[in-house]
N, C-alpha and C. Protein backbone atom coordinates (compact mmCIF):
# COMPACT_ATOMS: atom_id res chain seq x y z
N MET A 1 -3.10 15.91 -2.80
CA MET A 1 -2.49 15.99 -1.07
C MET A 1 -3.65 14.52 -0.61
N LYS A 2 -2.44 13.57 0.33
CA LYS A 2 -2.34 12.23 0.64
C LYS A 2 -3.67 13.05 1.39
N LYS A 3 -4.73 12.12 1.70
CA LYS A 3 -6.02 12.60 2.42
C LYS A 3 -5.78 10.97 3.07
N THR A 4 -6.26 10.21 4.25
CA THR A 4 -6.78 9.26 5.40
C THR A 4 -8.57 9.18 5.62
N TYR A 5 -8.62 8.15 4.74
CA TYR A 5 -10.48 8.49 5.66
C TYR A 5 -10.50 6.51 6.30
N LYS A 6 -11.46 6.49 7.11
CA LYS A 6 -11.69 5.70 7.85
C LYS A 6 -13.15 5.08 6.90
N SER A 7 -12.63 4.39 7.02
CA SER A 7 -14.58 2.57 6.22
C SER A 7 -14.44 1.94 6.76
N PRO A 8 -14.63 1.51 8.01
CA PRO A 8 -15.49 0.18 8.91
C PRO A 8 -15.74 -0.96 8.17
N ASN A 9 -16.10 -1.39 6.91
CA ASN A 9 -16.46 -2.36 6.46
C ASN A 9 -15.08 -2.99 5.30
N ILE A 10 -14.65 -1.78 5.71
CA ILE A 10 -12.87 -3.36 4.97
C ILE A 10 -12.75 -4.34 5.41
N SER A 11 -12.34 -5.66 5.45
CA SER A 11 -12.50 -6.21 6.34
C SER A 11 -11.09 -7.26 5.49
N CYS A 12 -10.32 -7.53 5.05
CA CYS A 12 -9.76 -8.62 4.58
C CYS A 12 -8.83 -8.15 2.93
N VAL A 13 -7.63 -8.69 2.73
CA VAL A 13 -6.95 -7.96 1.82
C VAL A 13 -7.46 -8.32 0.85
N SER A 14 -8.94 -9.52 0.38
CA SER A 14 -9.57 -8.61 -0.96
C SER A 14 -9.54 -8.09 -0.96
N CYS A 15 -10.87 -7.32 0.15
CA CYS A 15 -11.75 -6.27 0.32
C CYS A 15 -10.50 -4.75 -1.13
N ALA A 16 -9.05 -4.74 0.23
CA ALA A 16 -7.95 -3.73 -0.17
C ALA A 16 -8.17 -4.01 -1.70
N ASN A 17 -7.93 -5.28 -2.55
CA ASN A 17 -7.14 -5.25 -4.02
C ASN A 17 -8.68 -4.75 -4.41
N LEU A 18 -9.39 -4.85 -4.24
CA LEU A 18 -10.49 -4.55 -4.92
C LEU A 18 -10.55 -3.21 -5.06
N ILE A 19 -9.93 -2.50 -3.41
CA ILE A 19 -10.44 -1.00 -3.86
C ILE A 19 -8.82 -0.39 -4.52
N LYS A 20 -7.87 -0.92 -4.77
CA LYS A 20 -7.06 -0.86 -5.67
C LYS A 20 -7.08 -0.42 -6.46
N ALA A 21 -7.50 -2.34 -6.99
CA ALA A 21 -7.60 -2.44 -8.59
C ALA A 21 -8.70 -1.62 -9.44
N SER A 22 -10.11 -0.92 -8.53
CA SER A 22 -10.58 -0.67 -9.44
C SER A 22 -10.60 0.98 -9.20
N LEU A 23 -9.24 1.41 -8.34
CA LEU A 23 -9.37 2.75 -7.74
C LEU A 23 -8.29 3.90 -8.54
N GLU A 24 -6.61 2.47 -8.39
CA GLU A 24 -6.24 3.08 -8.37
C GLU A 24 -5.97 4.09 -9.61
N ASP A 25 -6.62 3.53 -11.32
CA ASP A 25 -6.12 4.82 -12.28
C ASP A 25 -7.10 5.75 -12.35
N GLU A 26 -7.55 6.24 -11.64
CA GLU A 26 -8.06 7.33 -11.60
C GLU A 26 -7.78 8.47 -10.30
N PHE A 27 -7.26 7.71 -9.04
CA PHE A 27 -6.30 8.36 -7.52
C PHE A 27 -5.15 8.43 -8.01
N ASN A 28 -4.52 7.30 -9.10
CA ASN A 28 -3.23 6.75 -8.62
C ASN A 28 -2.50 5.85 -7.32
N ASP A 29 -1.76 6.42 -6.26
CA ASP A 29 -1.87 5.19 -5.21
C ASP A 29 -2.76 5.75 -4.48
N ILE A 30 -2.60 3.98 -3.86
CA ILE A 30 -4.27 3.98 -2.69
C ILE A 30 -3.18 2.69 -2.24
N THR A 31 -3.05 3.36 -0.54
CA THR A 31 -2.95 2.57 0.85
C THR A 31 -3.97 1.82 1.70
N VAL A 32 -4.35 0.96 1.31
CA VAL A 32 -5.02 0.08 2.28
C VAL A 32 -4.54 -0.26 4.02
N ASN A 33 -5.07 0.99 4.74
CA ASN A 33 -4.26 0.34 5.96
C ASN A 33 -5.77 -0.87 6.79
N LEU A 34 -4.86 -2.67 6.55
CA LEU A 34 -5.63 -3.21 7.10
C LEU A 34 -5.91 -3.30 8.84
N ASP A 35 -4.05 -3.13 9.47
CA ASP A 35 -4.25 -3.16 10.88
C ASP A 35 -4.78 -2.33 11.85
N SER A 36 -5.21 -1.06 11.25
CA SER A 36 -5.90 0.44 12.14
C SER A 36 -7.56 -0.70 12.37
N THR A 37 -8.06 -0.24 13.48
CA THR A 37 -9.46 -0.25 13.51
C THR A 37 -10.59 1.34 13.63
N PRO A 38 -11.44 1.68 13.15
CA PRO A 38 -10.95 1.32 11.57
C PRO A 38 -10.12 1.72 10.41
N LYS A 39 -10.64 0.29 9.73
CA LYS A 39 -9.56 0.62 8.24
C LYS A 39 -9.57 1.90 7.80
N GLU A 40 -8.42 1.81 7.15
CA GLU A 40 -7.99 3.15 6.62
C GLU A 40 -7.80 3.22 4.76
N VAL A 41 -8.15 4.06 3.92
CA VAL A 41 -7.36 4.28 2.85
C VAL A 41 -7.14 5.64 2.65
N THR A 42 -5.55 5.65 2.43
CA THR A 42 -5.49 7.05 1.75
C THR A 42 -5.20 7.07 0.78
N VAL A 43 -5.19 7.50 -0.38
CA VAL A 43 -5.29 8.03 -0.92
C VAL A 43 -4.90 9.71 -1.73
N GLU A 44 -4.63 9.77 -3.00
CA GLU A 44 -4.03 11.25 -3.20
C GLU A 44 -5.37 12.36 -3.98
N ILE A 45 -6.13 13.35 -3.23
CA ILE A 45 -7.34 14.18 -3.55
C ILE A 45 -6.46 14.86 -3.82
N GLU A 46 -6.70 15.67 -5.36
CA GLU A 46 -6.72 17.01 -5.37
C GLU A 46 -7.35 18.50 -5.79
N ASN A 47 -8.63 17.93 -5.06
CA ASN A 47 -10.15 19.05 -4.98
C ASN A 47 -11.14 18.14 -4.05
N GLU A 48 -12.28 18.99 -3.66
CA GLU A 48 -13.63 18.69 -3.12
C GLU A 48 -14.37 17.98 -4.20
N GLU A 49 -14.21 18.03 -5.55
CA GLU A 49 -15.12 17.51 -6.67
C GLU A 49 -14.49 15.65 -6.75
N GLN A 50 -13.27 15.96 -7.04
CA GLN A 50 -12.46 14.23 -6.95
C GLN A 50 -12.78 13.80 -5.78
N GLU A 51 -12.37 14.54 -4.29
CA GLU A 51 -13.24 13.78 -2.75
C GLU A 51 -14.34 13.47 -3.13
N LYS A 52 -15.47 13.85 -3.68
CA LYS A 52 -16.88 13.80 -3.26
C LYS A 52 -16.89 12.14 -4.43
N ARG A 53 -16.25 12.01 -5.46
CA ARG A 53 -15.92 11.16 -6.69
C ARG A 53 -15.25 9.72 -5.56
N PHE A 54 -14.51 10.20 -5.01
CA PHE A 54 -14.03 9.29 -4.14
C PHE A 54 -14.79 8.05 -3.12
N PHE A 55 -15.70 8.90 -2.54
CA PHE A 55 -16.14 8.66 -1.57
C PHE A 55 -17.51 8.13 -2.28
N GLU A 56 -18.21 8.50 -3.41
CA GLU A 56 -19.41 7.71 -3.94
C GLU A 56 -18.48 6.31 -4.51
N GLU A 57 -17.54 6.17 -5.46
CA GLU A 57 -17.08 5.24 -6.08
C GLU A 57 -16.45 4.07 -4.83
N MET A 58 -16.56 4.34 -3.66
CA MET A 58 -16.49 3.51 -2.08
C MET A 58 -17.50 3.08 -1.89
N GLU A 59 -18.50 3.81 -2.30
CA GLU A 59 -19.72 3.24 -1.80
C GLU A 59 -20.75 2.54 -2.98
N GLU A 60 -20.13 2.87 -4.09
CA GLU A 60 -20.28 1.44 -5.39
C GLU A 60 -19.95 0.18 -5.37
N LEU A 61 -18.68 0.30 -4.26
CA LEU A 61 -17.54 -0.75 -4.18
C LEU A 61 -18.17 -1.92 -3.04
N GLY A 62 -19.20 -1.13 -2.18
CA GLY A 62 -19.80 -1.57 -1.11
C GLY A 62 -19.38 -1.30 0.49
N PHE A 63 -18.18 0.05 0.57
CA PHE A 63 -17.16 0.75 1.40
C PHE A 63 -17.67 1.92 1.71
N LYS A 64 -18.28 2.07 3.31
CA LYS A 64 -19.22 3.12 3.69
C LYS A 64 -17.62 3.98 4.22
N ILE A 65 -17.87 5.72 3.66
CA ILE A 65 -16.70 6.19 4.43
C ILE A 65 -16.83 6.99 5.98
N GLU A 66 -15.86 6.75 6.71
CA GLU A 66 -16.40 7.81 8.01
C GLU A 66 -16.02 9.22 7.44
N VAL A 67 -16.94 9.85 7.75
CA VAL A 67 -16.66 11.11 7.71
C VAL A 67 -16.63 11.74 9.08
């Protein structure tokens, strides 16, 4: 199921490219909306465990997810 999360500290195309390059292998199709405020990341999440991994990996990259 596709889910969209808000991340206030994504600021540019380089941030979006870093997220995509780092996480696409595990989460497939990732879309980063740079036109919204805060920025939005849409990703395919299959279960709560995968969602938790997504939050952790985004945090490791330096991008906090607003819950």
